[in-house]
Amino acid sequence: MIKNIMITGGAGYIGSHIAEILIKKKKKVIIVDNLSTGFRKLINKKAKFYKADIHNKKKNKIYYKKK
């Protein structure tokens, strides 16, 4: 069973709609977005939000596992 679902770009049009659907299905949603084109107001308050750029591996260790 899936416990957490991470959506990159979750503050954009498509990502925010996907997050809404998953939250309605009682899934735990984690959103990662740098807000360069997205909007914070589109993020569901039930989702955990990280303002981050997934291209910057050194700064953003929230979703990279150590090997």
C-alpha atoms as a PDB file:
ATOM      1  CA  MET A   1       0.000   0.000   0.000  1.00  0.00           C
ATOM      2  CA  ILE A   2       1.267   3.478  -0.900  1.00  0.00           C
ATOM      3  CA  LYS A   3       1.850   5.632   2.193  1.00  0.00           C
ATOM      4  CA  ASN A   4       3.209   8.858   0.705  1.00  0.00           C
ATOM      5  CA  ILE A   5       2.894  10.380  -2.731  1.00  0.00           C
ATOM      6  CA  MET A   6       5.253  13.171  -3.787  1.00  0.00           C
ATOM      7  CA  ILE A   7       4.160  15.549  -6.525  1.00  0.00           C
ATOM      8  CA  THR A   8       6.725  17.815  -8.138  1.00  0.00           C
ATOM      9  CA  GLY A   9       5.163  20.954  -9.533  1.00  0.00           C
ATOM     10  CA  GLY A  10       2.197  20.585  -7.200  1.00  0.00           C
ATOM     11  CA  ALA A  11       1.569  24.348  -7.113  1.00  0.00           C
ATOM     12  CA  GLY A  12       0.796  24.435 -10.819  1.00  0.00           C
ATOM     13  CA  TYR A  13      -2.476  23.768 -12.603  1.00  0.00           C
ATOM     14  CA  ILE A  14      -2.050  20.047 -13.312  1.00  0.00           C
ATOM     15  CA  GLY A  15      -0.128  19.175 -10.147  1.00  0.00           C
ATOM     16  CA  SER A  16      -2.615  20.921  -7.870  1.00  0.00           C
ATOM     17  CA  HIS A  17      -5.529  19.072  -9.466  1.00  0.00           C
ATOM     18  CA  ILE A  18      -3.763  15.737  -9.063  1.00  0.00           C
ATOM     19  CA  ALA A  19      -3.069  16.574  -5.412  1.00  0.00           C
ATOM     20  CA  GLU A  20      -6.755  17.381  -4.837  1.00  0.00           C
ATOM     21  CA  ILE A  21      -7.832  14.035  -6.286  1.00  0.00           C
ATOM     22  CA  LEU A  22      -5.314  12.104  -4.186  1.00  0.00           C
ATOM     23  CA  ILE A  23      -6.229  13.948  -0.987  1.00  0.00           C
ATOM     24  CA  LYS A  24      -9.905  13.180  -1.613  1.00  0.00           C
ATOM     25  CA  LYS A  25      -8.850   9.517  -1.840  1.00  0.00           C
ATOM     26  CA  LYS A  26      -7.265   9.878   1.643  1.00  0.00           C
ATOM     27  CA  LYS A  27      -3.657   9.693   0.386  1.00  0.00           C
ATOM     28  CA  LYS A  28      -0.816  11.536   2.133  1.00  0.00           C
ATOM     29  CA  VAL A  29       0.495  14.072  -0.393  1.00  0.00           C
ATOM     30  CA  ILE A  30       3.867  15.795  -0.357  1.00  0.00           C
ATOM     31  CA  ILE A  31       4.311  18.685  -2.776  1.00  0.00           C
ATOM     32  CA  VAL A  32       7.688  19.962  -3.952  1.00  0.00           C
ATOM     33  CA  ASP A  33       7.603  23.152  -6.001  1.00  0.00           C
ATOM     34  CA  ASN A  34       9.905  26.133  -6.425  1.00  0.00           C
ATOM     35  CA  LEU A  35       6.932  28.424  -7.147  1.00  0.00           C
ATOM     36  CA  SER A  36       8.610  29.783 -10.278  1.00  0.00           C
ATOM     37  CA  THR A  37       5.387  29.348 -12.252  1.00  0.00           C
ATOM     38  CA  GLY A  38       3.068  27.855  -9.629  1.00  0.00           C
ATOM     39  CA  PHE A  39       1.094  29.544  -6.886  1.00  0.00           C
ATOM     40  CA  ARG A  40       1.032  28.791  -3.149  1.00  0.00           C
ATOM     41  CA  LYS A  41      -2.736  29.413  -3.100  1.00  0.00           C
ATOM     42  CA  LEU A  42      -3.223  26.296  -5.272  1.00  0.00           C
ATOM     43  CA  ILE A  43      -1.641  24.016  -2.653  1.00  0.00           C
ATOM     44  CA  ASN A  44      -4.119  22.094  -0.545  1.00  0.00           C
ATOM     45  CA  LYS A  45      -3.598  22.745   3.175  1.00  0.00           C
ATOM     46  CA  LYS A  46      -3.725  19.003   3.870  1.00  0.00           C
ATOM     47  CA  ALA A  47      -0.596  18.452   1.761  1.00  0.00           C
ATOM     48  CA  LYS A  48       2.921  18.783   3.151  1.00  0.00           C
ATOM     49  CA  PHE A  49       4.682  21.482   1.119  1.00  0.00           C
ATOM     50  CA  TYR A  50       8.391  22.020   0.477  1.00  0.00           C
ATOM     51  CA  LYS A  51       9.525  25.058  -1.485  1.00  0.00           C
ATOM     52  CA  ALA A  52      12.468  23.594  -3.360  1.00  0.00           C
ATOM     53  CA  ASP A  53      13.989  23.197  -6.789  1.00  0.00           C
ATOM     54  CA  ILE A  54      14.455  19.520  -7.629  1.00  0.00           C
ATOM     55  CA  HIS A  55      17.394  20.394  -9.869  1.00  0.00           C
ATOM     56  CA  ASN A  56      19.487  21.507  -6.886  1.00  0.00           C
ATOM     57  CA  LYS A  57      20.519  18.189  -5.305  1.00  0.00           C
ATOM     58  CA  LYS A  58      22.963  19.762  -2.842  1.00  0.00           C
ATOM     59  CA  LYS A  59      20.415  22.093  -1.252  1.00  0.00           C
ATOM     60  CA  ASN A  60      17.416  19.780  -1.262  1.00  0.00           C
ATOM     61  CA  LYS A  61      17.977  16.583   0.647  1.00  0.00           C
ATOM     62  CA  ILE A  62      14.314  16.064   1.530  1.00  0.00           C
ATOM     63  CA  TYR A  63      13.780  13.516  -1.219  1.00  0.00           C
ATOM     64  CA  TYR A  64      17.242  12.114  -1.892  1.00  0.00           C
ATOM     65  CA  LYS A  65      18.221   9.008   0.041  1.00  0.00           C
ATOM     66  CA  LYS A  66      21.815   8.547   1.082  1.00  0.00           C
ATOM     67  CA  LYS A  67      23.430   5.533  -0.532  1.00  0.00           C
END
